[in-house]
């Protein structure tokens, strides 16, 4: 019986976040990096996820008016 080779599909959003945070194993990091290089969908999605992970600016401080 022949075994079917499993095709690597796009990583989940959770895996992409872990990739960006550097919390994956070196092997998994390399696998996802290579995939991103070859997949236009994931290449386009990566900056979007990076923007979501970026810290948001602090809200402006209230102005105290003299009474």
Protein backbone atom coordinates (compact mmCIF):
# COMPACT_ATOMS: atom_id res chain seq x y z
CA UNK A 1 0.00 0.00 0.00
CA UNK A 2 1.48 3.35 -1.02
CA UNK A 3 1.66 6.08 1.56
CA UNK A 4 0.44 9.50 0.60
CA UNK A 5 2.83 12.32 1.36
CA UNK A 6 1.08 14.96 3.39
CA UNK A 7 1.18 18.34 1.71
CA UNK A 8 2.17 21.26 3.92
CA UNK A 9 -0.64 23.76 4.00
CA UNK A 10 -0.64 27.34 5.20
CA UNK A 11 0.08 27.74 8.90
CA UNK A 12 -2.76 28.81 11.14
CA UNK A 13 -2.94 32.38 12.38
CA UNK A 14 -1.88 31.12 15.81
CA UNK A 15 1.25 29.52 14.29
CA UNK A 16 1.99 32.74 12.40
CA UNK A 17 1.79 34.72 15.65
CA UNK A 18 4.08 32.19 17.36
CA UNK A 19 6.45 32.50 14.38
CA UNK A 20 6.56 36.29 14.74
CA UNK A 21 7.06 36.07 18.50
CA UNK A 22 9.92 33.59 18.04
CA UNK A 23 8.30 30.93 20.19
CA UNK A 24 8.53 28.03 17.72
CA UNK A 25 11.25 25.43 17.46
CA UNK A 26 14.05 26.24 15.00
CA UNK A 27 12.75 23.52 12.66
CA UNK A 28 9.19 24.86 12.68
CA UNK A 29 10.46 28.43 12.28
CA UNK A 30 12.44 27.43 9.20
CA UNK A 31 9.50 25.49 7.78
CA UNK A 32 7.16 28.47 8.14
CA UNK A 33 9.77 30.94 6.83
CA UNK A 34 10.23 28.84 3.70
CA UNK A 35 6.47 28.58 3.27
CA UNK A 36 6.04 32.36 3.59
CA UNK A 37 8.70 32.88 0.92
CA UNK A 38 6.69 30.73 -1.50
CA UNK A 39 3.10 31.61 -0.55
CA UNK A 40 1.70 34.97 -1.64
CA UNK A 41 -1.27 34.65 0.71
CA UNK A 42 0.93 34.18 3.78
CA UNK A 43 3.38 36.85 2.58
CA UNK A 44 0.51 39.33 2.42
CA UNK A 45 -0.91 38.22 5.77
CA UNK A 46 2.36 38.51 7.72
CA UNK A 47 2.50 42.36 7.82
CA UNK A 48 -1.15 42.46 8.87
CA UNK A 49 -0.43 40.19 11.84
CA UNK A 50 2.71 42.21 12.68
CA UNK A 51 0.58 45.37 12.84
CA UNK A 52 -1.90 43.66 15.13
CA UNK A 53 0.92 42.60 17.47
CA UNK A 54 2.53 46.04 17.57
CA UNK A 55 1.90 47.87 20.81
CA UNK A 56 -0.73 50.53 20.46
CA UNK A 57 0.27 54.06 21.30
CA UNK A 58 -0.61 55.36 24.72
CA UNK A 59 -3.78 57.42 24.80
CA UNK A 60 -3.25 61.17 25.10
CA UNK A 61 -3.09 62.52 28.60
CA UNK A 62 -5.98 64.72 29.65
CA UNK A 63 -5.26 68.43 29.65
CA UNK A 64 -5.73 70.13 32.98
CA UNK A 65 -7.15 73.58 32.53
CA UNK A 66 -6.50 76.20 35.18
CA UNK A 67 -9.56 77.13 37.20
